Amino acid sequence: MTNATRTVQFRIYRYNPDQDAKPYMQDISVELESTDRKLLDAIQTEGAG
């Protein structure tokens, strides 16, 4: 098994009423390892960066 990475792109609807005037879409690209299989893996990867 190789440890190849792939780029996955997410489009996330964001809104923080304390900072944002209105909701907005944010595009995020995340590099995932071949062992990352779930959305949670991608979220944890993005949060660590």
N, C-alpha and C. Protein backbone atom coordinates (compact mmCIF):
# COMPACT_ATOMS: atom_id res chain seq x y z
N MET A 1 0.85 -1.18 0.00
CA MET A 1 0.00 0.00 0.00
C MET A 1 0.90 1.24 0.00
N THR A 2 0.59 2.20 -0.86
CA THR A 2 1.38 3.43 -0.92
C THR A 2 0.79 4.48 -0.01
N ASN A 3 1.61 5.45 0.32
CA ASN A 3 1.15 6.57 1.14
C ASN A 3 0.90 7.79 0.27
N ALA A 4 0.28 7.59 -0.87
CA ALA A 4 -0.01 8.68 -1.78
C ALA A 4 -1.01 9.65 -1.16
N THR A 5 -0.86 10.91 -1.49
CA THR A 5 -1.80 11.91 -1.01
C THR A 5 -2.68 12.35 -2.17
N ARG A 6 -3.82 12.89 -1.83
CA ARG A 6 -4.72 13.45 -2.84
C ARG A 6 -5.30 14.74 -2.27
N THR A 7 -5.67 15.63 -3.16
CA THR A 7 -6.27 16.88 -2.75
C THR A 7 -7.78 16.78 -2.88
N VAL A 8 -8.47 17.10 -1.81
CA VAL A 8 -9.93 17.10 -1.80
C VAL A 8 -10.38 18.53 -1.54
N GLN A 9 -11.35 18.98 -2.31
CA GLN A 9 -11.85 20.34 -2.14
C GLN A 9 -13.23 20.31 -1.51
N PHE A 10 -13.41 21.19 -0.53
CA PHE A 10 -14.68 21.32 0.16
C PHE A 10 -15.18 22.75 0.00
N ARG A 11 -16.48 22.90 -0.09
CA ARG A 11 -17.10 24.22 -0.09
C ARG A 11 -17.99 24.24 1.15
N ILE A 12 -17.64 25.11 2.09
CA ILE A 12 -18.28 25.11 3.40
C ILE A 12 -19.06 26.41 3.60
N TYR A 13 -20.27 26.27 4.09
CA TYR A 13 -21.13 27.41 4.40
C TYR A 13 -20.79 27.86 5.81
N ARG A 14 -20.30 29.10 5.95
CA ARG A 14 -19.81 29.59 7.23
C ARG A 14 -20.63 30.80 7.72
N TYR A 15 -20.73 30.90 9.03
CA TYR A 15 -21.36 32.08 9.62
C TYR A 15 -21.03 32.15 11.10
N ASN A 16 -20.47 33.26 11.50
CA ASN A 16 -20.20 33.54 12.91
C ASN A 16 -20.88 34.88 13.20
N PRO A 17 -21.99 34.89 13.91
CA PRO A 17 -22.74 36.13 14.13
C PRO A 17 -21.94 37.20 14.87
N ASP A 18 -20.90 36.81 15.58
CA ASP A 18 -20.07 37.79 16.29
C ASP A 18 -19.09 38.50 15.36
N GLN A 19 -18.81 37.91 14.19
CA GLN A 19 -17.82 38.48 13.28
C GLN A 19 -18.35 38.80 11.89
N ASP A 20 -19.34 38.06 11.43
CA ASP A 20 -19.77 38.16 10.03
C ASP A 20 -21.10 38.89 9.89
N ALA A 21 -21.18 39.74 8.87
CA ALA A 21 -22.43 40.45 8.60
C ALA A 21 -23.48 39.50 8.02
N LYS A 22 -23.02 38.50 7.27
CA LYS A 22 -23.93 37.53 6.68
C LYS A 22 -23.16 36.23 6.41
N PRO A 23 -23.88 35.12 6.21
CA PRO A 23 -23.22 33.85 5.90
C PRO A 23 -22.47 33.94 4.56
N TYR A 24 -21.45 33.10 4.41
CA TYR A 24 -20.67 33.08 3.18
C TYR A 24 -20.14 31.67 2.92
N MET A 25 -19.73 31.42 1.69
CA MET A 25 -19.15 30.14 1.30
C MET A 25 -17.63 30.27 1.36
N GLN A 26 -16.97 29.24 1.89
CA GLN A 26 -15.51 29.21 1.95
C GLN A 26 -15.03 27.95 1.24
N ASP A 27 -14.09 28.12 0.30
CA ASP A 27 -13.49 26.99 -0.39
C ASP A 27 -12.22 26.58 0.34
N ILE A 28 -12.10 25.29 0.63
CA ILE A 28 -10.94 24.77 1.35
C ILE A 28 -10.41 23.55 0.58
N SER A 29 -9.11 23.52 0.35
CA SER A 29 -8.44 22.36 -0.24
C SER A 29 -7.62 21.70 0.85
N VAL A 30 -7.76 20.38 0.95
CA VAL A 30 -7.06 19.63 1.99
C VAL A 30 -6.30 18.48 1.34
N GLU A 31 -5.03 18.33 1.73
CA GLU A 31 -4.23 17.19 1.29
C GLU A 31 -4.53 16.02 2.23
N LEU A 32 -5.00 14.91 1.69
CA LEU A 32 -5.32 13.74 2.50
C LEU A 32 -4.40 12.59 2.17
N GLU A 33 -4.08 11.82 3.18
CA GLU A 33 -3.31 10.59 3.00
C GLU A 33 -4.23 9.50 2.46
N SER A 34 -3.66 8.47 1.91
CA SER A 34 -4.48 7.38 1.37
C SER A 34 -5.27 6.67 2.45
N THR A 35 -4.84 6.80 3.71
CA THR A 35 -5.55 6.15 4.82
C THR A 35 -6.73 6.98 5.33
N ASP A 36 -6.82 8.26 4.92
CA ASP A 36 -7.94 9.12 5.33
C ASP A 36 -9.16 8.76 4.50
N ARG A 37 -10.20 8.31 5.15
CA ARG A 37 -11.38 7.81 4.43
C ARG A 37 -12.66 8.59 4.72
N LYS A 38 -12.69 9.35 5.78
CA LYS A 38 -13.93 9.98 6.22
C LYS A 38 -13.81 11.49 6.22
N LEU A 39 -14.95 12.15 6.19
CA LEU A 39 -14.99 13.61 6.27
C LEU A 39 -14.31 14.08 7.57
N LEU A 40 -14.49 13.35 8.63
CA LEU A 40 -13.87 13.72 9.90
C LEU A 40 -12.34 13.75 9.77
N ASP A 41 -11.76 12.82 9.02
CA ASP A 41 -10.31 12.83 8.79
C ASP A 41 -9.89 14.14 8.13
N ALA A 42 -10.65 14.60 7.15
CA ALA A 42 -10.32 15.84 6.44
C ALA A 42 -10.45 17.04 7.36
N ILE A 43 -11.49 17.06 8.18
CA ILE A 43 -11.70 18.18 9.10
C ILE A 43 -10.57 18.24 10.11
N GLN A 44 -10.18 17.10 10.64
CA GLN A 44 -9.09 17.07 11.62
C GLN A 44 -7.78 17.48 10.97
N THR A 45 -7.54 17.08 9.72
CA THR A 45 -6.34 17.47 9.00
C THR A 45 -6.31 18.99 8.81
N GLU A 46 -7.42 19.58 8.41
CA GLU A 46 -7.48 21.03 8.19
C GLU A 46 -7.29 21.77 9.50
N GLY A 47 -7.85 21.28 10.58
CA GLY A 47 -7.73 21.94 11.86
C GLY A 47 -6.31 21.91 12.42
N ALA A 48 -5.53 20.91 12.01
CA ALA A 48 -4.16 20.79 12.50
C ALA A 48 -3.21 21.73 11.76
N GLY A 49 -3.64 22.22 10.57
CA GLY A 49 -2.76 23.03 9.75
C GLY A 49 -2.76 24.49 10.08
